[in-house]
Protein backbone atom coordinates (compact mmCIF):
# COMPACT_ATOMS: atom_id res chain seq x y z
CA MET A 1 145.07 -40.48 -2.07
CA LYS A 2 145.57 -37.91 -4.78
CA LEU A 3 142.06 -38.67 -6.00
CA VAL A 4 140.61 -38.06 -2.52
CA LYS A 5 142.46 -34.72 -2.29
CA THR A 6 141.14 -33.69 -5.72
CA ILE A 7 137.56 -34.66 -4.86
CA SER A 8 137.89 -32.85 -1.52
CA ALA A 9 139.21 -29.74 -3.27
CA LEU A 10 136.36 -29.85 -5.80
CA LEU A 11 133.80 -30.26 -3.04
CA LEU A 12 135.31 -27.33 -1.16
CA VAL A 13 135.17 -25.14 -4.30
CA GLY A 14 131.59 -26.25 -4.86
CA VAL A 15 130.60 -25.42 -1.29
CA VAL A 16 132.28 -21.99 -1.49
CA THR A 17 130.67 -21.26 -4.84
CA THR A 18 127.26 -22.39 -3.66
CA SER A 19 127.43 -20.38 -0.45
CA CYS A 20 128.53 -17.27 -2.38
CA GLY A 21 125.59 -17.74 -4.68
CA GLU A 22 123.26 -18.14 -1.70
CA LYS A 23 124.73 -15.05 -0.09
CA LYS A 24 124.10 -13.03 -3.22
CA THR A 25 120.57 -14.32 -3.42
CA ALA A 26 120.03 -13.50 0.25
CA ASP A 27 121.34 -9.95 -0.32
CA SER A 28 119.08 -9.51 -3.34
CA THR A 29 116.09 -10.78 -1.38
CA GLU A 30 116.90 -8.48 1.54
CA MET A 31 117.11 -5.52 -0.82
CA ALA A 32 113.83 -6.44 -2.46
CA ASP A 33 112.16 -6.79 0.95
CA THR A 34 113.52 -3.41 2.08
CA THR A 35 112.19 -1.78 -1.06
CA ALA A 36 108.79 -3.38 -0.54
CA VAL A 37 108.70 -2.17 3.06
CA ALA A 38 109.68 1.36 2.01
CA MET A 39 106.87 1.41 -0.54
CA ASP A 40 104.36 0.16 2.02
CA THR A 41 105.18 2.94 4.51
CA THR A 42 104.39 5.78 2.13
CA VAL A 43 101.98 8.12 3.94
CA VAL A 44 99.32 10.03 2.06
CA ALA A 45 98.36 13.27 3.78
CA GLU A 46 94.61 13.71 4.15
CA VAL A 47 92.85 17.05 4.09
CA PRO A 48 91.21 17.59 7.51
CA THR A 49 87.49 18.21 8.02
CA ILE A 50 86.10 21.72 8.47
CA VAL A 51 86.65 21.52 12.24
CA GLY A 52 90.20 20.20 11.68
CA VAL A 53 91.07 23.01 9.27
CA ALA A 54 89.62 25.65 11.60
CA SER A 55 91.45 24.11 14.59
CA GLU A 56 94.76 24.41 12.75
CA ASN A 57 94.25 28.14 12.12
CA PRO A 58 94.75 30.40 15.17
CA ASP A 59 92.48 33.03 13.54
CA PHE A 60 89.50 30.72 14.17
CA SER A 61 90.21 29.85 17.82
CA THR A 62 87.08 31.62 19.13
CA LEU A 63 84.92 29.86 16.52
CA VAL A 64 86.41 26.46 17.38
CA THR A 65 85.81 27.08 21.10
CA ALA A 66 82.19 27.99 20.36
CA VAL A 67 81.66 24.98 18.07
CA LYS A 68 82.98 22.63 20.74
CA ALA A 69 80.91 24.29 23.50
CA ALA A 70 77.78 23.93 21.35
CA GLY A 71 78.49 20.26 20.71
CA LEU A 72 78.71 20.82 16.96
CA ALA A 73 82.28 19.58 16.39
CA GLU A 74 81.13 16.06 15.53
CA THR A 75 78.42 17.34 13.16
CA LEU A 76 80.81 19.65 11.31
CA SER A 77 83.34 16.83 11.10
CA GLY A 78 80.69 14.63 9.47
CA GLN A 79 80.35 13.69 5.83
CA GLY A 80 78.78 16.93 4.62
CA PRO A 81 79.44 18.62 2.35
CA PHE A 82 79.06 21.94 4.11
CA THR A 83 79.86 25.53 3.28
CA VAL A 84 80.81 27.47 6.39
CA PHE A 85 80.92 31.25 6.51
CA ALA A 86 83.39 31.32 9.40
CA PRO A 87 83.79 34.45 11.52
CA ASN A 88 87.43 34.99 12.45
CA ASN A 89 88.53 36.10 15.92
CA ALA A 90 88.33 39.78 14.92
CA ALA A 91 84.68 39.26 13.91
CA PHE A 92 83.84 37.86 17.35
CA ALA A 93 85.75 40.75 18.95
CA LYS A 94 83.33 43.20 17.27
CA LEU A 95 80.44 41.83 19.33
CA PRO A 96 79.48 43.80 22.45
CA ALA A 97 81.69 43.08 25.47
CA GLY A 98 80.73 39.88 27.25
CA THR A 99 78.65 38.48 24.36
CA VAL A 100 80.96 35.56 23.56
CA ASP A 101 81.43 34.65 27.24
CA GLY A 102 77.66 34.78 27.73
CA LEU A 103 77.00 32.56 24.71
CA LEU A 104 79.48 29.97 25.98
CA LYS A 105 77.49 29.45 29.19
CA PRO A 106 75.48 26.19 29.35
CA GLU A 107 72.17 28.04 29.74
CA ASN A 108 72.73 29.73 26.35
CA LEU A 109 73.55 26.53 24.47
CA GLU A 110 70.52 26.67 22.15
CA LYS A 111 71.15 30.30 21.22
CA LEU A 112 74.82 29.51 20.52
CA LYS A 113 73.83 26.55 18.33
CA SER A 114 71.36 28.74 16.45
CA ILE A 115 74.00 31.41 15.76
CA LEU A 116 76.65 28.90 14.69
CA THR A 117 74.37 26.85 12.41
CA TYR A 118 73.23 30.13 10.85
CA HIS A 119 76.75 30.34 9.41
CA VAL A 120 76.49 26.90 7.73
CA VAL A 121 74.89 26.01 4.41
CA ALA A 122 74.38 22.41 3.27
CA GLY A 123 76.40 21.69 0.11
CA LYS A 124 79.76 22.82 -1.16
CA PHE A 125 79.72 26.30 -2.68
CA ASP A 126 83.12 27.61 -3.71
CA ALA A 127 83.64 31.30 -4.52
CA ALA A 128 83.16 30.80 -8.27
CA THR A 129 79.82 29.03 -7.71
CA VAL A 130 78.62 31.73 -5.31
CA THR A 131 79.68 34.56 -7.63
CA ASP A 132 78.02 32.85 -10.61
CA ALA A 133 74.77 32.37 -8.65
CA ILE A 134 74.76 36.03 -7.60
CA ASN A 135 75.34 37.20 -11.17
CA LYS A 136 72.62 34.90 -12.58
CA ASN A 137 70.09 36.19 -10.03
CA LYS A 138 70.29 39.94 -10.71
CA GLY A 139 72.98 40.65 -8.13
CA LYS A 140 71.51 38.80 -5.13
CA TYR A 141 71.35 35.13 -4.22
CA THR A 142 69.47 33.84 -1.18
CA VAL A 143 70.59 30.68 0.62
CA THR A 144 68.90 28.82 3.45
CA THR A 145 71.20 27.96 6.32
CA VAL A 146 71.28 24.77 8.37
CA GLN A 147 69.64 26.83 11.17
CA GLY A 148 66.66 27.50 8.86
CA ASP A 149 66.86 31.26 8.30
CA LYS A 150 68.15 32.82 5.10
CA ILE A 151 71.24 34.81 4.13
CA VAL A 152 71.29 37.10 1.08
CA LEU A 153 74.57 36.98 -0.84
CA SER A 154 75.65 39.85 -3.08
CA LEU A 155 78.79 41.41 -4.54
CA LYS A 156 80.39 44.73 -3.62
CA ASP A 157 83.70 45.81 -5.13
CA GLY A 158 84.31 42.22 -6.24
CA LYS A 159 83.82 40.78 -2.74
CA VAL A 160 81.01 38.51 -1.60
CA MET A 161 78.78 40.15 0.99
CA LEU A 162 76.36 38.42 3.38
CA GLU A 163 73.23 40.11 4.68
CA ASP A 164 71.60 38.49 7.70
CA THR A 165 67.88 38.54 8.58
CA ASN A 166 68.41 41.69 10.69
CA GLY A 167 70.11 43.67 7.91
CA GLY A 168 73.61 43.10 9.36
CA MET A 169 76.39 42.78 6.81
CA ALA A 170 79.57 40.69 6.62
CA THR A 171 82.29 40.48 3.97
CA VAL A 172 84.08 37.35 2.81
CA ILE A 173 87.73 38.15 3.50
CA LEU A 174 89.20 34.75 2.60
CA ALA A 175 87.46 32.34 0.23
CA ASP A 176 87.82 28.68 -0.67
CA VAL A 177 89.66 27.21 2.30
CA ALA A 178 89.38 23.53 1.37
CA ALA A 179 88.31 20.84 3.81
CA SER A 180 87.58 17.16 3.23
CA ASN A 181 83.87 17.68 3.89
CA GLY A 182 83.29 21.10 2.35
CA VAL A 183 84.67 24.59 2.13
CA ILE A 184 85.25 27.52 4.48
CA HIS A 185 84.88 31.20 3.63
CA ALA A 186 86.23 33.48 6.38
CA ILE A 187 84.05 36.50 7.16
CA ASP A 188 84.75 39.70 9.07
CA THR A 189 81.52 39.94 11.08
CA VAL A 190 79.31 37.49 12.99
CA ILE A 191 75.91 37.36 11.30
CA MET A 192 72.81 36.87 13.42
CA PRO A 193 69.57 34.98 12.81
CA LYS A 194 66.17 36.39 13.88
């Protein structure tokens, strides 16, 4: 009988020891699984497209409205790269009264597209690249826009200036706003094609 009690006691100790070991292993596994899950849920923030960046900035609300009305949001969210000389709200406000409202009407869609694509150049041209090109070309550098007409870039008091086909001038007031598919340079005046 004493032998049965001793064997029973040993078995009980063995069961307790084994279950404690299993518990520890289970805890370790749970911890490892939690760590793996935490590592898997790490979120990497992506830089938005040109349209996304402009949409996030209240200073470009008129431009974003115009881009959407012209059906260009998908194009400017495409692969690119693009360089956009983006008029801010104050630039649109300089236009004669009623101009923006008139351009947003369906019957003026082609004119609106022409004006907007005149502000876009294929390729990514940051401020350093633009300034270097101007300096290497005797103070003026001509680019062809997506619309097809040209813009003449120059420098005045260290700022990049744009001259449209009608002799109108705009100044870059904020350069190198990064987007996933190009770069935005904010300008203070809407430039006009022929």
